[in-house]
C-alpha atoms as a PDB file:
ATOM      1  CA  MET A   1      10.031  11.188  -0.077  1.00  0.00           C
ATOM      2  CA  LYS A   2       7.109  12.946   1.493  1.00  0.00           C
ATOM      3  CA  THR A   3       9.056  14.558   4.330  1.00  0.00           C
ATOM      4  CA  GLU A   4      11.011  17.754   3.783  1.00  0.00           C
ATOM      5  CA  LEU A   5      14.449  16.275   4.376  1.00  0.00           C
ATOM      6  CA  ASN A   6      16.685  18.845   2.703  1.00  0.00           C
ATOM      7  CA  ALA A   7      15.558  17.966  -0.829  1.00  0.00           C
ATOM      8  CA  LYS A   8      17.053  21.128  -2.331  1.00  0.00           C
ATOM      9  CA  HIS A   9      20.334  20.542  -0.509  1.00  0.00           C
ATOM     10  CA  LEU A  10      20.415  16.962  -1.732  1.00  0.00           C
ATOM     11  CA  ARG A  11      19.716  18.007  -5.318  1.00  0.00           C
ATOM     12  CA  GLY A  12      22.509  20.561  -5.246  1.00  0.00           C
ATOM     13  CA  LEU A  13      25.094  18.175  -3.847  1.00  0.00           C
ATOM     14  CA  LEU A  14      24.149  15.430  -6.275  1.00  0.00           C
ATOM     15  CA  LEU A  15      24.481  17.769  -9.211  1.00  0.00           C
ATOM     16  CA  ILE A  16      27.896  18.913  -7.963  1.00  0.00           C
ATOM     17  CA  LEU A  17      28.850  15.258  -7.704  1.00  0.00           C
ATOM     18  CA  ALA A  18      27.522  14.634 -11.200  1.00  0.00           C
ATOM     19  CA  ILE A  19      29.764  17.268 -12.684  1.00  0.00           C
ATOM     20  CA  GLY A  20      32.795  15.754 -10.969  1.00  0.00           C
ATOM     21  CA  LEU A  21      31.996  12.208 -12.013  1.00  0.00           C
ATOM     22  CA  ALA A  22      30.752  12.855 -15.507  1.00  0.00           C
ATOM     23  CA  ALA A  23      33.785  14.775 -16.762  1.00  0.00           C
ATOM     24  CA  PRO A  24      35.421  13.614 -18.861  1.00  0.00           C
ATOM     25  CA  ALA A  25      33.295  10.471 -19.052  1.00  0.00           C
ATOM     26  CA  ALA A  26      29.697  10.632 -20.233  1.00  0.00           C
ATOM     27  CA  ALA A  27      28.596   8.042 -17.686  1.00  0.00           C
ATOM     28  CA  ALA A  28      29.996   6.571 -14.501  1.00  0.00           C
ATOM     29  CA  THR A  29      29.056   4.349 -11.564  1.00  0.00           C
ATOM     30  CA  ARG A  30      30.740   3.912  -8.214  1.00  0.00           C
ATOM     31  CA  ALA A  31      29.532   0.700  -6.574  1.00  0.00           C
ATOM     32  CA  LYS A  32      30.818  -1.029  -3.450  1.00  0.00           C
ATOM     33  CA  THR A  33      29.738  -4.192  -1.653  1.00  0.00           C
ATOM     34  CA  ALA A  34      30.600  -4.912   1.978  1.00  0.00           C
ATOM     35  CA  VAL A  35      32.851  -7.903   2.609  1.00  0.00           C
ATOM     36  CA  THR A  36      32.745 -10.681   5.177  1.00  0.00           C
ATOM     37  CA  GLU A  37      35.519 -11.440   7.675  1.00  0.00           C
ATOM     38  CA  THR A  38      37.002 -13.830   5.109  1.00  0.00           C
ATOM     39  CA  GLY A  39      37.142 -11.114   2.472  1.00  0.00           C
ATOM     40  CA  GLU A  40      34.218 -12.341   0.381  1.00  0.00           C
ATOM     41  CA  ASN A  41      31.432 -10.051  -0.833  1.00  0.00           C
ATOM     42  CA  VAL A  42      28.331 -10.123   1.344  1.00  0.00           C
ATOM     43  CA  ARG A  43      25.377 -12.002  -0.124  1.00  0.00           C
ATOM     44  CA  ILE A  44      21.823 -11.096   0.774  1.00  0.00           C
ATOM     45  CA  GLU A  45      20.080 -13.554   3.106  1.00  0.00           C
ATOM     46  CA  GLY A  46      16.592 -12.362   3.899  1.00  0.00           C
ATOM     47  CA  SER A  47      13.822 -10.152   2.593  1.00  0.00           C
ATOM     48  CA  ILE A  48      14.200  -6.698   1.064  1.00  0.00           C
ATOM     49  CA  VAL A  49      11.891  -3.714   1.366  1.00  0.00           C
ATOM     50  CA  LEU A  50      12.053  -0.778  -1.007  1.00  0.00           C
ATOM     51  CA  VAL A  51      11.638   2.410   0.988  1.00  0.00           C
ATOM     52  CA  GLU A  52       9.684   5.067  -0.896  1.00  0.00           C
ATOM     53  CA  PRO A  53      12.262   6.490  -3.311  1.00  0.00           C
ATOM     54  CA  ASP A  54      13.194  10.172  -3.327  1.00  0.00           C
ATOM     55  CA  ILE A  55      12.888  11.026  -7.031  1.00  0.00           C
ATOM     56  CA  GLU A  56      12.560  14.370  -8.766  1.00  0.00           C
ATOM     57  CA  LEU A  57      12.575  15.018 -12.516  1.00  0.00           C
ATOM     58  CA  SER A  58      13.128  18.462 -13.981  1.00  0.00           C
ATOM     59  CA  LEU A  59      13.160  20.342 -17.260  1.00  0.00           C
ATOM     60  CA  VAL A  60      16.358  22.219 -18.124  1.00  0.00           C
ATOM     61  CA  THR A  61      15.389  25.554 -19.676  1.00  0.00           C
ATOM     62  CA  ALA A  62      17.333  27.334 -22.390  1.00  0.00           C
ATOM     63  CA  GLY A  63      19.002  29.424 -19.683  1.00  0.00           C
ATOM     64  CA  GLY A  64      20.095  26.344 -17.747  1.00  0.00           C
ATOM     65  CA  LEU A  65      17.556  26.583 -14.917  1.00  0.00           C
ATOM     66  CA  GLN A  66      15.933  23.385 -13.670  1.00  0.00           C
ATOM     67  CA  GLU A  67      12.172  23.439 -13.364  1.00  0.00           C
ATOM     68  CA  PRO A  68      10.751  20.469 -11.393  1.00  0.00           C
ATOM     69  CA  ARG A  69       7.987  18.643 -13.246  1.00  0.00           C
ATOM     70  CA  LYS A  70       5.436  17.020 -10.964  1.00  0.00           C
ATOM     71  CA  ASP A  71       3.863  14.897 -13.709  1.00  0.00           C
ATOM     72  CA  TRP A  72       7.247  13.454 -14.686  1.00  0.00           C
ATOM     73  CA  SER A  73       8.255  12.883 -11.073  1.00  0.00           C
ATOM     74  CA  ASP A  74       4.971  11.149 -10.234  1.00  0.00           C
ATOM     75  CA  ALA A  75       5.393   8.839 -13.227  1.00  0.00           C
ATOM     76  CA  ALA A  76       8.957   8.000 -12.188  1.00  0.00           C
ATOM     77  CA  ARG A  77       7.843   7.255  -8.622  1.00  0.00           C
ATOM     78  CA  ARG A  78       5.439   4.677 -10.040  1.00  0.00           C
ATOM     79  CA  HIS A  79       7.729   3.111 -12.610  1.00  0.00           C
ATOM     80  CA  TYR A  80      10.886   2.878 -10.513  1.00  0.00           C
ATOM     81  CA  PRO A  81       9.461   0.672  -7.689  1.00  0.00           C
ATOM     82  CA  ALA A  82       7.840  -1.631 -10.248  1.00  0.00           C
ATOM     83  CA  ALA A  83      11.156  -1.990 -12.088  1.00  0.00           C
ATOM     84  CA  VAL A  84      13.007  -2.729  -8.836  1.00  0.00           C
ATOM     85  CA  GLY A  85      10.440  -5.389  -8.006  1.00  0.00           C
ATOM     86  CA  ARG A  86      10.915  -7.025 -11.398  1.00  0.00           C
ATOM     87  CA  LEU A  87      14.698  -7.074 -10.961  1.00  0.00           C
ATOM     88  CA  ILE A  88      14.560  -8.603  -7.465  1.00  0.00           C
ATOM     89  CA  THR A  89      12.089 -11.241  -8.621  1.00  0.00           C
ATOM     90  CA  ALA A  90      14.205 -12.057 -11.684  1.00  0.00           C
ATOM     91  CA  ARG A  91      17.202 -12.648  -9.405  1.00  0.00           C
ATOM     92  CA  ASN A  92      15.127 -14.860  -7.082  1.00  0.00           C
ATOM     93  CA  GLY A  93      15.302 -12.398  -4.224  1.00  0.00           C
ATOM     94  CA  SER A  94      12.749 -12.134  -1.440  1.00  0.00           C
ATOM     95  CA  ARG A  95      10.888  -8.879  -0.934  1.00  0.00           C
ATOM     96  CA  THR A  96       8.208  -7.441   1.296  1.00  0.00           C
ATOM     97  CA  PRO A  97       5.640  -4.816   0.214  1.00  0.00           C
ATOM     98  CA  ASP A  98       7.165  -1.411  -0.536  1.00  0.00           C
ATOM     99  CA  PHE A  99       7.246   0.990   2.399  1.00  0.00           C
ATOM    100  CA  ASP A 100       5.535   4.331   1.770  1.00  0.00           C
ATOM    101  CA  ILE A 101       6.576   7.029   4.199  1.00  0.00           C
ATOM    102  CA  PRO A 102       3.489   8.349   6.031  1.00  0.00           C
ATOM    103  CA  ASP A 103       2.467  11.842   4.970  1.00  0.00           C
ATOM    104  CA  ALA A 104       2.049  12.899   8.604  1.00  0.00           C
ATOM    105  CA  LEU A 105       5.386  11.489   9.766  1.00  0.00           C
ATOM    106  CA  GLU A 106       7.011  13.851  12.259  1.00  0.00           C
ATOM    107  CA  PRO A 107      10.681  14.505  11.432  1.00  0.00           C
ATOM    108  CA  SER A 108      11.421  14.368  15.172  1.00  0.00           C
ATOM    109  CA  SER A 109       9.961  10.858  15.543  1.00  0.00           C
ATOM    110  CA  ARG A 110      12.337   7.901  15.799  1.00  0.00           C
ATOM    111  CA  LEU A 111      11.466   6.788  12.273  1.00  0.00           C
ATOM    112  CA  GLY A 112      11.802  10.332  10.974  1.00  0.00           C
ATOM    113  CA  GLN A 113      15.246  10.627  12.580  1.00  0.00           C
ATOM    114  CA  VAL A 114      16.375   7.364  10.996  1.00  0.00           C
ATOM    115  CA  LEU A 115      15.242   8.542   7.569  1.00  0.00           C
ATOM    116  CA  ARG A 116      17.044  11.856   7.986  1.00  0.00           C
ATOM    117  CA  LEU A 117      20.173  10.041   9.120  1.00  0.00           C
ATOM    118  CA  ASN A 118      19.978   7.882   6.021  1.00  0.00           C
ATOM    119  CA  GLN A 119      19.899  10.988   3.843  1.00  0.00           C
ATOM    120  CA  VAL A 120      23.069  12.243   5.500  1.00  0.00           C
ATOM    121  CA  VAL A 121      24.762   8.879   5.008  1.00  0.00           C
ATOM    122  CA  ALA A 122      23.632   8.750   1.371  1.00  0.00           C
ATOM    123  CA  LEU A 123      25.103  12.199   0.764  1.00  0.00           C
ATOM    124  CA  SER A 124      28.371  11.109   2.381  1.00  0.00           C
ATOM    125  CA  ILE A 125      28.466   7.982   0.235  1.00  0.00           C
ATOM    126  CA  ALA A 126      27.875  10.099  -2.856  1.00  0.00           C
ATOM    127  CA  GLN A 127      30.550  12.617  -1.899  1.00  0.00           C
ATOM    128  CA  TYR A 128      33.240  10.178  -0.838  1.00  0.00           C
ATOM    129  CA  SER A 129      32.622   7.717  -3.664  1.00  0.00           C
ATOM    130  CA  ASN A 130      34.047  10.383  -5.942  1.00  0.00           C
ATOM    131  CA  PRO A 131      37.676   9.496  -6.812  1.00  0.00           C
ATOM    132  CA  GLY A 132      40.094  11.580  -4.800  1.00  0.00           C
ATOM    133  CA  SER A 133      37.666  12.151  -1.926  1.00  0.00           C
ATOM    134  CA  VAL A 134      38.916  10.408   1.202  1.00  0.00           C
ATOM    135  CA  LEU A 135      37.614  10.485   4.747  1.00  0.00           C
ATOM    136  CA  ALA A 136      40.570  10.932   7.065  1.00  0.00           C
ATOM    137  CA  THR A 137      38.964   8.666   9.653  1.00  0.00           C
ATOM    138  CA  LYS A 138      37.997   5.982   7.132  1.00  0.00           C
ATOM    139  CA  LYS A 139      41.256   4.314   6.123  1.00  0.00           C
ATOM    140  CA  ASP A 140      42.409   0.721   6.317  1.00  0.00           C
ATOM    141  CA  ALA A 141      44.877   0.422   9.184  1.00  0.00           C
ATOM    142  CA  LYS A 142      47.190  -1.827   7.176  1.00  0.00           C
ATOM    143  CA  THR A 143      47.086  -0.385   3.668  1.00  0.00           C
ATOM    144  CA  GLY A 144      46.083   3.216   4.322  1.00  0.00           C
ATOM    145  CA  LYS A 145      43.534   2.972   1.514  1.00  0.00           C
ATOM    146  CA  PRO A 146      40.055   4.510   1.849  1.00  0.00           C
ATOM    147  CA  LEU A 147      37.684   2.294   3.825  1.00  0.00           C
ATOM    148  CA  LEU A 148      34.087   3.120   2.954  1.00  0.00           C
ATOM    149  CA  ASP A 149      32.329   1.464   5.867  1.00  0.00           C
ATOM    150  CA  TRP A 150      28.932   3.000   6.601  1.00  0.00           C
ATOM    151  CA  SER A 151      26.254   2.323   9.205  1.00  0.00           C
ATOM    152  CA  LEU A 152      22.925   3.798  10.267  1.00  0.00           C
ATOM    153  CA  GLY A 153      23.153   2.231  13.706  1.00  0.00           C
ATOM    154  CA  PRO A 154      20.548   0.273  15.678  1.00  0.00           C
ATOM    155  CA  GLY A 155      17.797   2.818  15.012  1.00  0.00           C
ATOM    156  CA  VAL A 156      16.988   1.036  11.732  1.00  0.00           C
ATOM    157  CA  ALA A 157      15.088  -1.462  13.869  1.00  0.00           C
ATOM    158  CA  GLU A 158      12.216   1.021  13.508  1.00  0.00           C
ATOM    159  CA  ILE A 159      12.026   0.241   9.800  1.00  0.00           C
ATOM    160  CA  ARG A 160      12.309  -3.487  10.401  1.00  0.00           C
ATOM    161  CA  GLN A 161       9.478  -3.332  12.906  1.00  0.00           C
ATOM    162  CA  ALA A 162       7.331  -1.371  10.450  1.00  0.00           C
ATOM    163  CA  THR A 163       8.032  -3.600   7.442  1.00  0.00           C
ATOM    164  CA  GLY A 164       9.134  -7.026   8.688  1.00  0.00           C
ATOM    165  CA  ALA A 165      12.030  -6.924   6.224  1.00  0.00           C
ATOM    166  CA  ASP A 166      15.673  -7.807   6.803  1.00  0.00           C
ATOM    167  CA  TYR A 167      17.096  -5.219   4.404  1.00  0.00           C
ATOM    168  CA  ALA A 168      15.972  -1.796   3.216  1.00  0.00           C
ATOM    169  CA  LEU A 169      16.806  -0.322  -0.181  1.00  0.00           C
ATOM    170  CA  PHE A 170      16.988   3.475  -0.228  1.00  0.00           C
ATOM    171  CA  THR A 171      17.134   5.410  -3.484  1.00  0.00           C
ATOM    172  CA  TYR A 172      17.683   9.057  -4.424  1.00  0.00           C
ATOM    173  CA  VAL A 173      17.422  10.139  -8.064  1.00  0.00           C
ATOM    174  CA  ARG A 174      17.639  13.571  -9.650  1.00  0.00           C
ATOM    175  CA  ASP A 175      16.989  13.501 -13.388  1.00  0.00           C
ATOM    176  CA  SER A 176      16.735  16.372 -15.848  1.00  0.00           C
ATOM    177  CA  TYR A 177      15.783  16.680 -19.511  1.00  0.00           C
ATOM    178  CA  ALA A 178      16.798  19.466 -21.867  1.00  0.00           C
ATOM    179  CA  SER A 179      14.055  21.613 -23.355  1.00  0.00           C
ATOM    180  CA  GLY A 180      13.960  22.274 -27.082  1.00  0.00           C
ATOM    181  CA  GLY A 181      15.521  25.669 -26.497  1.00  0.00           C
ATOM    182  CA  ARG A 182      18.318  24.199 -24.390  1.00  0.00           C
ATOM    183  CA  SER A 183      19.048  21.514 -26.984  1.00  0.00           C
ATOM    184  CA  ALA A 184      19.197  24.102 -29.769  1.00  0.00           C
ATOM    185  CA  LEU A 185      21.501  26.367 -27.746  1.00  0.00           C
ATOM    186  CA  ARG A 186      23.724  23.424 -26.865  1.00  0.00           C
ATOM    187  CA  ALA A 187      24.035  22.419 -30.518  1.00  0.00           C
ATOM    188  CA  PHE A 188      24.805  25.995 -31.574  1.00  0.00           C
ATOM    189  CA  THR A 189      27.467  26.341 -28.873  1.00  0.00           C
ATOM    190  CA  LEU A 190      29.115  23.087 -29.874  1.00  0.00           C
ATOM    191  CA  VAL A 191      29.226  24.077 -33.537  1.00  0.00           C
ATOM    192  CA  ALA A 192      30.497  27.570 -32.753  1.00  0.00           C
ATOM    193  CA  GLY A 193      33.161  26.196 -30.462  1.00  0.00           C
ATOM    194  CA  LEU A 194      34.387  23.686 -33.005  1.00  0.00           C
ATOM    195  CA  ALA A 195      34.550  26.434 -35.617  1.00  0.00           C
ATOM    196  CA  MET A 196      36.917  28.305 -33.304  1.00  0.00           C
ATOM    197  CA  GLY A 197      38.962  25.169 -32.651  1.00  0.00           C
ATOM    198  CA  SER A 198      37.629  24.422 -29.168  1.00  0.00           C
ATOM    199  CA  TYR A 199      35.098  22.092 -27.594  1.00  0.00           C
ATOM    200  CA  ILE A 200      32.364  23.880 -25.663  1.00  0.00           C
ATOM    201  CA  ASP A 201      29.441  21.961 -24.199  1.00  0.00           C
ATOM    202  CA  ILE A 202      27.004  23.858 -21.988  1.00  0.00           C
ATOM    203  CA  GLY A 203      25.348  20.567 -21.070  1.00  0.00           C
ATOM    204  CA  GLY A 204      21.823  19.264 -21.296  1.00  0.00           C
ATOM    205  CA  GLY A 205      20.006  16.855 -19.041  1.00  0.00           C
ATOM    206  CA  MET A 206      21.684  14.547 -16.552  1.00  0.00           C
ATOM    207  CA  GLN A 207      20.629  11.609 -14.399  1.00  0.00           C
ATOM    208  CA  VAL A 208      22.158  11.125 -10.955  1.00  0.00           C
ATOM    209  CA  GLY A 209      21.228   8.276  -8.631  1.00  0.00           C
ATOM    210  CA  VAL A 210      22.351   7.028  -5.233  1.00  0.00           C
ATOM    211  CA  ALA A 211      21.189   3.640  -3.956  1.00  0.00           C
ATOM    212  CA  ALA A 212      22.037   2.026  -0.625  1.00  0.00           C
ATOM    213  CA  LEU A 213      21.075  -1.346   0.831  1.00  0.00           C
ATOM    214  CA  VAL A 214      20.984  -1.419   4.637  1.00  0.00           C
ATOM    215  CA  ASP A 215      20.903  -4.486   6.873  1.00  0.00           C
ATOM    216  CA  LEU A 216      18.019  -3.728   9.244  1.00  0.00           C
ATOM    217  CA  ARG A 217      19.400  -6.144  11.835  1.00  0.00           C
ATOM    218  CA  THR A 218      22.709  -4.313  12.245  1.00  0.00           C
ATOM    219  CA  GLY A 219      22.373  -0.946  10.525  1.00  0.00           C
ATOM    220  CA  GLN A 220      25.307  -1.694   8.204  1.00  0.00           C
ATOM    221  CA  VAL A 221      25.221  -0.418   4.629  1.00  0.00           C
ATOM    222  CA  VAL A 222      26.047  -3.678   2.854  1.00  0.00           C
ATOM    223  CA  TRP A 223      26.006  -2.251  -0.674  1.00  0.00           C
ATOM    224  CA  HIS A 224      25.793   1.128  -2.332  1.00  0.00           C
ATOM    225  CA  ASN A 225      26.116   2.650  -5.765  1.00  0.00           C
ATOM    226  CA  VAL A 226      26.395   6.127  -7.225  1.00  0.00           C
ATOM    227  CA  MET A 227      25.348   6.498 -10.868  1.00  0.00           C
ATOM    228  CA  VAL A 228      25.797   9.463 -13.190  1.00  0.00           C
ATOM    229  CA  LYS A 229      24.527   9.390 -16.783  1.00  0.00           C
ATOM    230  CA  GLN A 230      23.661  11.801 -19.527  1.00  0.00           C
ATOM    231  CA  SER A 231      20.913   9.445 -20.704  1.00  0.00           C
ATOM    232  CA  GLY A 232      18.120   7.405 -19.173  1.00  0.00           C
ATOM    233  CA  ASP A 233      14.406   8.028 -18.752  1.00  0.00           C
ATOM    234  CA  LEU A 234      12.278   7.135 -15.741  1.00  0.00           C
ATOM    235  CA  ARG A 235       9.101   8.480 -17.288  1.00  0.00           C
ATOM    236  CA  SER A 236       8.196   5.113 -18.844  1.00  0.00           C
ATOM    237  CA  ALA A 237       8.204   1.507 -17.659  1.00  0.00           C
ATOM    238  CA  GLU A 238      10.728   0.500 -20.318  1.00  0.00           C
ATOM    239  CA  GLY A 239      13.034   3.378 -19.437  1.00  0.00           C
ATOM    240  CA  ALA A 240      12.773   2.585 -15.723  1.00  0.00           C
ATOM    241  CA  ASP A 241      13.870  -0.997 -16.368  1.00  0.00           C
ATOM    242  CA  LEU A 242      17.021   0.266 -18.090  1.00  0.00           C
ATOM    243  CA  VAL A 243      17.779   2.729 -15.296  1.00  0.00           C
ATOM    244  CA  VAL A 244      17.315   0.070 -12.616  1.00  0.00           C
ATOM    245  CA  ASP A 245      19.519  -2.345 -14.549  1.00  0.00           C
ATOM    246  CA  ASP A 246      22.309   0.239 -14.392  1.00  0.00           C
ATOM    247  CA  LEU A 247      21.770   1.449 -10.844  1.00  0.00           C
ATOM    248  CA  LEU A 248      21.365  -2.055  -9.356  1.00  0.00           C
ATOM    249  CA  LYS A 249      23.710  -3.877 -11.739  1.00  0.00           C
ATOM    250  CA  SER A 250      26.028  -5.011  -8.921  1.00  0.00           C
ATOM    251  CA  PHE A 251      23.200  -5.576  -6.422  1.00  0.00           C
ATOM    252  CA  PRO A 252      24.360  -8.486  -4.218  1.00  0.00           C
ATOM    253  CA  LEU A 253      21.679 -11.054  -5.057  1.00  0.00           C
END
């Protein structure tokens, strides 16, 4: 996104989430679809707009630092929307032109406030989609089980007015790729650890994504997914298709 909406804070929380989700599994997703009053999964009825995705790709150095790569990120910001469009079309969904956030958008404007609120909600979804994380105020009255019911409120009408869409798809992705030095150090550490009878993995790159579909008529988050993988590549059209297939696999179309 082009506004400074706590990007560093978001990256840090997503990476913390990634560590929790990815161990011991190498990949994981946490998807949830809202249900109707009869208990059936909500189905999309109306048009969808993809809000400019918040994507950043980085290089993991030998020392484990992440260095953002603008060229990689720019490529991903082109390939991801195109891949989403192909998926929606393939599933016979209706979409409106993608919504690019204005460069001069004031964070204090109504639209800016809605976008910032969505970031907070996305972070909450990411955090509380992690097994074992339960919101004390979000439990089913009958079963006591976690009830992940999220809403952005009526302010989302600003996005509907700007786009003419019925639903908005928000996406946050942080993806990293190990440098040659990092890969070599990782391999050496693994071998050394096995020689001593233990498994030691200092880690390489990781892909973390959060996607949320919001009903612009009500503000309700009707579907969301959290994805953590140690593979995937948004730097090419083919790689973006595979990432979107995973992230939007349970998309309610």
